Amino acid sequence: MKKEEREILLKNRLLEMKNYENALYQQGLLLIGGVDEVGRGPLAGPVVTACVVLPGDFDVLGVDDSKKLSEKKREELFDKIKEKAIAYSIGMADNNVIDDINILEATKKAMQEAVLETDKKLKDRGEKGLEHVLIDALKLKNIHIPQTGIIKGDASSVSIAAASILAKVTRDRMMVEYAAKYSHYAFEKNKGYGTKDHYAGIEKAGICEIHRRTFLKKILL
């Protein structure tokens, strides 16, 4: 595929990804937060969320569901999204919170944290705060901001996709740092997911401080 053809495809994809946002812009809403999470499935580490408010003229090509992108592309887009965003925040729930309240509730808690922090940043700048929130699949009970839960939102909303990239890169970098401290589990490669190397590390060294005990009940019996 020629460079020009690829650019046309990416521009068309961006237009398609803006459908949800454009519908809200037409209602007069401007400050729309996209929210997503990364890390619900791993055996170790936190679940990480992001809330991102993009401008209506956001023009960065290639933004998509973070799972569809290479690590190199995610890193590249991570910086561009932060540069262009009107506001963004990261939320997090560590393994202890996950074990205490379960992964779904921990995810919602981390999403709420990201949403409320983004809202605060906007208001601290003298703006009215978030006017609507687009969330991948879930709905949050404890925020008083209009919201829409979108199934597979990270593949159909540019704001949610941008949030998925910020959350993914943030979490991956954390797991690489953890790998230096907990060297038995190959966190730099598996990011906490249950790979062969990860299970081999648990068998050899047991679990570490960032493992989710509720995800490892059979091993811990």
Protein backbone atom coordinates (compact mmCIF):
# COMPACT_ATOMS: atom_id res chain seq x y z
CA MET A 1 0.00 0.00 0.00
CA LYS A 2 1.31 3.43 -0.94
CA LYS A 3 1.89 6.04 1.75
CA GLU A 4 -0.86 8.26 0.31
CA GLU A 5 -3.36 5.40 0.29
CA ARG A 6 -2.55 4.49 3.87
CA GLU A 7 -2.98 8.10 4.96
CA ILE A 8 -6.42 8.24 3.34
CA LEU A 9 -7.44 5.06 5.16
CA LEU A 10 -6.21 6.46 8.49
CA LYS A 11 -8.05 9.75 7.95
CA ASN A 12 -11.26 7.88 7.17
CA ARG A 13 -10.76 5.70 10.24
CA LEU A 14 -10.33 8.82 12.41
CA LEU A 15 -13.56 10.29 11.04
CA GLU A 16 -15.34 7.02 11.81
CA MET A 17 -13.91 6.99 15.34
CA LYS A 18 -15.30 10.50 15.97
CA ASN A 19 -18.97 9.57 15.44
CA TYR A 20 -19.86 9.42 19.15
CA GLU A 21 -17.98 12.63 19.91
CA ASN A 22 -19.47 14.47 16.93
CA ALA A 23 -23.00 13.56 18.01
CA LEU A 24 -22.30 15.19 21.38
CA TYR A 25 -20.60 18.22 19.81
CA GLN A 26 -23.82 18.76 17.78
CA GLN A 27 -25.69 18.97 21.10
CA GLY A 28 -23.39 21.83 22.13
CA LEU A 29 -21.17 19.73 24.41
CA LEU A 30 -17.43 20.28 24.12
CA LEU A 31 -15.72 18.72 27.15
CA ILE A 32 -16.17 15.00 26.55
CA GLY A 33 -14.10 12.49 28.47
CA GLY A 34 -13.19 9.11 27.02
CA VAL A 35 -12.52 6.45 29.67
CA ASP A 36 -10.91 3.03 29.42
CA GLU A 37 -9.01 0.50 31.52
CA VAL A 38 -6.06 -1.82 31.06
CA GLY A 39 -5.05 -4.78 33.19
CA ARG A 40 -8.19 -6.57 34.30
CA GLY A 41 -6.80 -9.98 33.39
CA PRO A 42 -3.21 -10.15 34.74
CA LEU A 43 -2.18 -12.14 37.81
CA ALA A 44 -0.09 -9.25 39.13
CA GLY A 45 0.03 -5.49 39.21
CA PRO A 46 -2.67 -2.81 39.20
CA VAL A 47 -5.60 -2.14 36.95
CA VAL A 48 -4.94 1.24 35.31
CA THR A 49 -7.49 3.61 33.82
CA ALA A 50 -7.39 6.90 31.95
CA CYS A 51 -9.81 9.69 31.18
CA VAL A 52 -8.95 11.87 28.18
CA VAL A 53 -10.64 15.00 26.80
CA LEU A 54 -9.70 15.63 23.18
CA PRO A 55 -10.33 18.80 21.17
CA GLY A 56 -12.92 18.66 18.40
CA ASP A 57 -10.20 19.19 15.80
CA PHE A 58 -8.06 16.30 17.10
CA ASP A 59 -6.11 15.13 14.06
CA VAL A 60 -3.60 12.52 15.23
CA LEU A 61 -3.80 9.57 12.86
CA GLY A 62 -3.56 5.96 13.99
CA VAL A 63 -5.37 6.23 17.34
CA ASP A 64 -7.22 2.96 17.90
CA ASP A 65 -7.81 0.23 20.44
CA SER A 66 -4.42 -0.11 22.16
CA LYS A 67 -4.53 -3.92 21.75
CA LYS A 68 -4.41 -3.46 17.96
CA LEU A 69 -1.25 -1.35 18.06
CA SER A 70 2.41 -2.26 18.37
CA GLU A 71 4.34 -1.18 21.44
CA LYS A 72 6.32 1.27 19.31
CA LYS A 73 3.15 2.82 17.89
CA ARG A 74 1.55 3.09 21.34
CA GLU A 75 4.60 4.88 22.70
CA GLU A 76 4.54 7.30 19.77
CA LEU A 77 0.82 8.01 20.16
CA PHE A 78 1.13 8.31 23.95
CA ASP A 79 3.17 11.50 23.62
CA LYS A 80 1.01 12.93 20.84
CA ILE A 81 -2.22 12.34 22.75
CA LYS A 82 -0.87 14.02 25.89
CA GLU A 83 0.34 16.98 23.81
CA LYS A 84 -3.01 17.47 22.04
CA ALA A 85 -5.41 16.62 24.89
CA ILE A 86 -7.39 19.35 26.61
CA ALA A 87 -7.05 17.36 29.83
CA TYR A 88 -6.28 13.83 30.97
CA SER A 89 -5.80 11.85 34.18
CA ILE A 90 -4.72 8.36 35.20
CA GLY A 91 -6.57 6.25 37.77
CA MET A 92 -5.32 3.11 39.44
CA ALA A 93 -6.31 0.31 41.79
CA ASP A 94 -3.50 -1.92 43.06
CA ASN A 95 -3.56 -5.66 43.71
CA ASN A 96 -4.64 -5.16 47.33
CA VAL A 97 -7.71 -3.19 46.31
CA ILE A 98 -8.48 -5.79 43.64
CA ASP A 99 -8.29 -8.55 46.23
CA ASP A 100 -10.46 -6.58 48.67
CA ILE A 101 -13.34 -5.56 46.41
CA ASN A 102 -12.92 -7.71 43.23
CA ILE A 103 -11.57 -6.72 39.83
CA LEU A 104 -14.81 -5.25 38.44
CA GLU A 105 -15.36 -2.94 41.41
CA ALA A 106 -11.65 -2.03 41.46
CA THR A 107 -11.86 -1.13 37.78
CA LYS A 108 -14.87 1.11 38.38
CA LYS A 109 -13.11 2.73 41.35
CA ALA A 110 -10.04 3.49 39.22
CA MET A 111 -12.22 4.83 36.39
CA GLN A 112 -14.06 7.09 38.82
CA GLU A 113 -10.72 8.38 40.09
CA ALA A 114 -9.59 9.25 36.56
CA VAL A 115 -12.91 10.92 35.70
CA LEU A 116 -13.10 13.02 38.86
CA GLU A 117 -9.46 14.11 38.61
CA THR A 118 -9.95 15.17 34.99
CA ASP A 119 -13.11 17.08 35.97
CA LYS A 120 -11.16 18.81 38.76
CA LYS A 121 -8.33 19.79 36.41
CA LEU A 122 -10.81 21.42 34.04
CA LYS A 123 -12.57 23.30 36.85
CA ASP A 124 -9.26 24.42 38.36
CA ARG A 125 -8.54 26.10 35.02
CA GLY A 126 -11.84 27.96 35.19
CA GLU A 127 -13.71 25.69 32.79
CA LYS A 128 -17.11 24.13 33.50
CA GLY A 129 -15.83 20.58 33.95
CA LEU A 130 -16.69 17.40 32.10
CA GLU A 131 -19.99 17.61 30.25
CA HIS A 132 -20.25 13.96 29.19
CA VAL A 133 -18.26 10.78 29.63
CA LEU A 134 -17.87 7.93 27.11
CA ILE A 135 -16.85 4.71 28.83
CA ASP A 136 -15.73 1.40 27.38
CA ALA A 137 -18.50 -1.10 28.23
CA LEU A 138 -19.17 0.04 31.82
CA LYS A 139 -21.30 2.62 33.58
CA LEU A 140 -20.27 4.33 36.80
CA LYS A 141 -22.80 4.86 39.61
CA ASN A 142 -20.84 7.33 41.69
CA ILE A 143 -20.32 10.19 39.26
CA HIS A 144 -22.89 12.89 38.52
CA ILE A 145 -21.81 13.48 34.95
CA PRO A 146 -23.92 12.24 32.01
CA GLN A 147 -22.32 9.10 30.60
CA THR A 148 -22.61 6.57 27.84
CA GLY A 149 -21.27 3.03 28.08
CA ILE A 150 -20.15 1.76 24.68
CA ILE A 151 -19.49 -1.92 23.97
CA LYS A 152 -16.04 -2.19 22.37
CA GLY A 153 -15.76 1.55 22.81
CA ASP A 154 -11.97 1.46 22.43
CA ALA A 155 -12.50 0.43 18.80
CA SER A 156 -15.30 2.89 18.03
CA SER A 157 -14.63 6.11 19.97
CA VAL A 158 -11.46 8.13 19.48
CA SER A 159 -11.62 9.46 23.05
CA ILE A 160 -11.92 5.98 24.56
CA ALA A 161 -9.17 4.70 22.25
CA ALA A 162 -6.90 7.53 23.36
CA ALA A 163 -7.62 6.63 26.99
CA SER A 164 -6.78 2.98 26.29
CA ILE A 165 -3.39 4.01 24.90
CA LEU A 166 -2.54 6.25 27.89
CA ALA A 167 -3.60 3.52 30.32
CA LYS A 168 -1.76 0.76 28.46
CA VAL A 169 1.55 2.60 28.14
CA THR A 170 1.38 3.77 31.76
CA ARG A 171 0.75 0.24 33.04
CA ASP A 172 3.35 -1.40 30.78
CA ARG A 173 6.01 1.01 31.98
CA MET A 174 5.09 0.24 35.60
CA MET A 175 5.39 -3.50 35.00
CA VAL A 176 8.83 -3.07 33.42
CA GLU A 177 9.90 -1.18 36.56
CA TYR A 178 8.47 -3.96 38.74
CA ALA A 179 10.47 -6.49 36.71
CA ALA A 180 13.69 -4.97 38.04
CA LYS A 181 12.52 -5.50 41.61
CA TYR A 182 10.79 -8.85 41.13
CA SER A 183 13.05 -10.57 38.64
CA HIS A 184 11.61 -14.11 38.75
CA TYR A 185 8.43 -13.48 36.79
CA ALA A 186 9.47 -11.87 33.46
CA PHE A 187 7.11 -8.95 34.06
CA GLU A 188 9.02 -6.96 31.43
CA LYS A 189 7.69 -9.43 28.85
CA ASN A 190 4.31 -10.58 30.14
CA LYS A 191 3.24 -7.42 32.03
CA GLY A 192 1.77 -9.65 34.74
CA TYR A 193 -0.31 -11.92 32.52
CA GLY A 194 -0.25 -15.66 33.14
CA THR A 195 2.41 -16.82 30.70
CA LYS A 196 4.57 -19.93 30.97
CA ASP A 197 7.53 -17.88 32.26
CA HIS A 198 5.33 -16.17 34.83
CA TYR A 199 3.98 -19.43 36.22
CA ALA A 200 7.50 -20.88 36.26
CA GLY A 201 8.61 -17.90 38.36
CA ILE A 202 5.76 -18.44 40.82
CA GLU A 203 6.66 -22.12 41.10
CA LYS A 204 10.29 -21.23 41.79
CA ALA A 205 9.95 -18.18 44.04
CA GLY A 206 6.33 -18.12 45.19
CA ILE A 207 4.22 -15.00 44.84
CA CYS A 208 5.44 -11.45 45.40
CA GLU A 209 3.93 -8.29 46.87
CA ILE A 210 2.13 -7.24 43.70
CA HIS A 211 0.42 -10.56 42.91
CA ARG A 212 -3.37 -10.73 43.07
CA ARG A 213 -4.03 -13.48 45.58
CA THR A 214 -7.65 -13.89 44.51
CA PHE A 215 -6.44 -14.67 40.99
CA LEU A 216 -4.13 -17.40 42.30
CA LYS A 217 -6.39 -19.30 44.69
CA LYS A 218 -5.67 -22.71 43.15
CA ILE A 219 -1.91 -22.17 43.40
CA LEU A 220 -2.11 -20.86 46.98
CA LEU A 221 -4.20 -23.77 48.30
